[in-house]
Amino acid sequence: MSIDPLIGARPAGGDELAELYRRHARRLAGLAAAVTLDRSVADEVVHDAFAGLAPRLADVRDPVAYLQRSVVHLGIRVVRRRERARAVPRRPIEHSSIPEVDELWALVCTLPAQQRAVVVLRFWEDLTQDRIAEVLDVPVGTVKSTLHRALRTIEEQL
């Protein structure tokens, strides 16, 4: 069974985890940074996701989806912990030369973590609603309603 169209067949043994890391760690770190709004914890979130995958790699049908789901869930956990501690204010992780993009990103940053995760997966990672549901392990209807609420909130603030 293929784990990723870019990889093809599953590599044997411990090579599979290393190959997954080589191919996906950077993109997963971007996802983690977008969910947490903090690049400094993104690598730690990705490391924790890979550490969670390692012992169950042979049993996981889709390791990439597992890693995406783990990064989102671990990232949300970081955000909730930080919000409870009332830490660093939210700010964009990157600046664009187009003011409208910065304005939209600033609005995305104000969304609750779960809504922000769905928006990032949909529009940054370009995942379908079905794939987002699979990644987050929620019904498609939940993805649709969460995305709708997030977009409505952004639209109201524009």
Protein backbone atom coordinates (compact mmCIF):
# COMPACT_ATOMS: atom_id res chain seq x y z
CA MET A 1 0.00 0.00 0.00
CA SER A 2 1.30 3.48 -0.80
CA ILE A 3 1.81 5.97 2.01
CA ASP A 4 2.16 8.97 -0.25
CA PRO A 5 2.01 9.44 -4.01
CA LEU A 6 5.46 11.05 -3.89
CA ILE A 7 7.01 8.11 -2.07
CA GLY A 8 5.36 5.17 -3.78
CA ALA A 9 5.74 1.81 -2.06
CA ARG A 10 6.51 1.70 1.65
CA PRO A 11 10.23 1.51 2.42
CA ALA A 12 11.31 -1.38 4.62
CA GLY A 13 11.93 -1.16 8.36
CA GLY A 14 13.19 2.01 10.04
CA ASP A 15 13.82 3.63 6.68
CA GLU A 16 10.12 4.40 6.35
CA LEU A 17 10.06 6.78 9.32
CA ALA A 18 13.21 8.53 8.10
CA GLU A 19 11.75 8.87 4.61
CA LEU A 20 8.49 10.25 6.00
CA TYR A 21 10.46 12.77 8.04
CA ARG A 22 12.60 13.79 5.09
CA ARG A 23 9.59 14.32 2.84
CA HIS A 24 7.07 15.83 5.25
CA ALA A 25 8.74 17.42 8.30
CA ARG A 26 9.14 20.87 6.78
CA ARG A 27 5.55 21.05 5.58
CA LEU A 28 4.28 19.70 8.90
CA ALA A 29 6.33 22.36 10.71
CA GLY A 30 4.56 24.99 8.60
CA LEU A 31 1.22 23.49 9.56
CA ALA A 32 2.24 23.46 13.23
CA ALA A 33 3.37 27.09 13.02
CA ALA A 34 0.07 28.08 11.43
CA VAL A 35 -1.98 26.30 14.10
CA THR A 36 0.08 27.51 17.06
CA LEU A 37 1.07 30.90 15.63
CA ASP A 38 4.51 30.21 17.03
CA ARG A 39 7.41 28.97 14.91
CA SER A 40 9.49 28.31 18.03
CA VAL A 41 7.28 25.36 19.05
CA ALA A 42 6.55 24.06 15.54
CA ASP A 43 9.55 21.72 15.38
CA GLU A 44 8.74 20.35 18.83
CA VAL A 45 5.15 19.65 17.77
CA VAL A 46 6.39 17.84 14.64
CA HIS A 47 8.92 15.86 16.69
CA ASP A 48 6.16 14.80 19.11
CA ALA A 49 3.95 13.75 16.18
CA PHE A 50 6.72 11.55 14.74
CA ALA A 51 7.47 10.16 18.20
CA GLY A 52 3.82 9.16 18.51
CA LEU A 53 3.84 7.52 15.08
CA ALA A 54 7.07 5.52 15.52
CA PRO A 55 5.78 2.70 17.75
CA ARG A 56 2.63 2.18 15.70
CA LEU A 57 3.95 2.83 12.19
CA ALA A 58 3.30 -0.73 10.99
CA ASP A 59 -0.35 -0.52 12.05
CA VAL A 60 -1.15 2.93 10.62
CA ARG A 61 -2.92 2.81 7.26
CA ASP A 62 -2.07 6.39 6.24
CA PRO A 63 0.99 7.74 8.10
CA VAL A 64 0.78 11.17 6.45
CA ALA A 65 -2.82 11.68 7.59
CA TYR A 66 -1.82 10.41 11.04
CA LEU A 67 1.00 12.97 11.20
CA GLN A 68 -1.23 15.82 10.00
CA ARG A 69 -3.87 14.89 12.57
CA SER A 70 -1.25 14.66 15.31
CA VAL A 71 0.30 18.02 14.41
CA VAL A 72 -3.10 19.73 14.46
CA HIS A 73 -4.15 18.13 17.76
CA LEU A 74 -0.79 18.73 19.43
CA GLY A 75 -0.76 22.30 18.11
CA ILE A 76 -4.23 22.95 19.49
CA ARG A 77 -3.07 21.55 22.84
CA VAL A 78 -0.13 24.01 22.83
CA VAL A 79 -2.48 26.91 22.02
CA ARG A 80 -4.90 25.97 24.79
CA ARG A 81 -2.08 25.63 27.30
CA ARG A 82 -0.69 29.01 26.24
CA GLU A 83 -4.10 30.66 26.40
CA ARG A 84 -4.61 29.33 29.91
CA ALA A 85 -1.26 30.81 30.86
CA ARG A 86 -2.14 34.07 29.04
CA ALA A 87 1.14 34.14 27.19
CA VAL A 88 2.36 35.69 23.94
CA PRO A 89 -0.11 37.77 21.87
CA ARG A 90 -1.14 36.38 18.49
CA ARG A 91 0.57 37.76 15.42
CA PRO A 92 1.14 36.62 11.83
CA ILE A 93 4.01 34.18 11.36
CA GLU A 94 4.99 35.68 8.02
CA HIS A 95 4.39 39.00 6.34
CA SER A 96 3.21 39.40 2.78
CA SER A 97 3.93 42.24 0.42
CA ILE A 98 0.18 42.38 -0.22
CA PRO A 99 -1.61 44.25 2.61
CA GLU A 100 -4.86 42.31 2.09
CA VAL A 101 -3.08 39.01 2.72
CA ASP A 102 -1.66 40.32 5.99
CA GLU A 103 -5.12 41.57 6.98
CA LEU A 104 -6.70 38.18 6.23
CA TRP A 105 -3.96 36.33 8.10
CA ALA A 106 -4.44 38.63 11.10
CA LEU A 107 -8.15 37.71 11.09
CA VAL A 108 -7.35 33.99 10.78
CA CYS A 109 -5.08 34.39 13.82
CA THR A 110 -8.04 35.62 15.89
CA LEU A 111 -10.05 32.44 15.26
CA PRO A 112 -10.27 29.72 17.91
CA ALA A 113 -7.62 27.04 17.41
CA GLN A 114 -9.99 24.41 15.93
CA GLN A 115 -11.44 26.87 13.39
CA ARG A 116 -7.97 28.14 12.52
CA ALA A 117 -6.79 24.56 11.97
CA VAL A 118 -9.64 23.84 9.54
CA VAL A 119 -9.03 27.09 7.63
CA VAL A 120 -5.29 26.37 7.39
CA LEU A 121 -5.87 22.79 6.23
CA ARG A 122 -8.41 23.93 3.64
CA PHE A 123 -6.73 26.99 2.18
CA TRP A 124 -3.04 26.64 3.02
CA GLU A 125 -2.66 22.87 2.74
CA ASP A 126 -5.37 22.81 0.01
CA LEU A 127 -7.07 19.74 1.46
CA THR A 128 -10.62 18.79 0.55
CA GLN A 129 -13.29 18.75 3.24
CA ASP A 130 -13.29 14.95 3.14
CA ARG A 131 -9.52 14.84 3.66
CA ILE A 132 -9.72 17.39 6.51
CA ALA A 133 -12.36 15.20 8.17
CA GLU A 134 -10.03 12.22 7.82
CA VAL A 135 -7.03 14.16 9.14
CA LEU A 136 -8.93 15.54 12.14
CA ASP A 137 -10.91 12.32 12.65
CA VAL A 138 -14.24 14.16 12.68
CA PRO A 139 -17.35 13.91 10.50
CA VAL A 140 -17.37 15.89 7.24
CA GLY A 141 -20.36 17.83 8.58
CA THR A 142 -18.23 19.06 11.47
CA VAL A 143 -15.58 20.27 9.04
CA LYS A 144 -18.22 22.05 6.95
CA SER A 145 -19.84 23.78 9.93
CA THR A 146 -16.49 24.72 11.47
CA LEU A 147 -15.26 26.15 8.18
CA HIS A 148 -18.54 28.01 7.67
CA ARG A 149 -18.36 29.58 11.14
CA ALA A 150 -14.73 30.55 10.62
CA LEU A 151 -15.37 32.17 7.25
CA ARG A 152 -18.44 33.96 8.58
CA THR A 153 -16.38 35.36 11.47
CA ILE A 154 -13.68 36.57 9.08
CA GLU A 155 -16.26 38.09 6.73
CA GLU A 156 -17.93 39.96 9.60
CA GLN A 157 -14.61 41.51 10.55
CA LEU A 158 -13.68 42.64 7.03
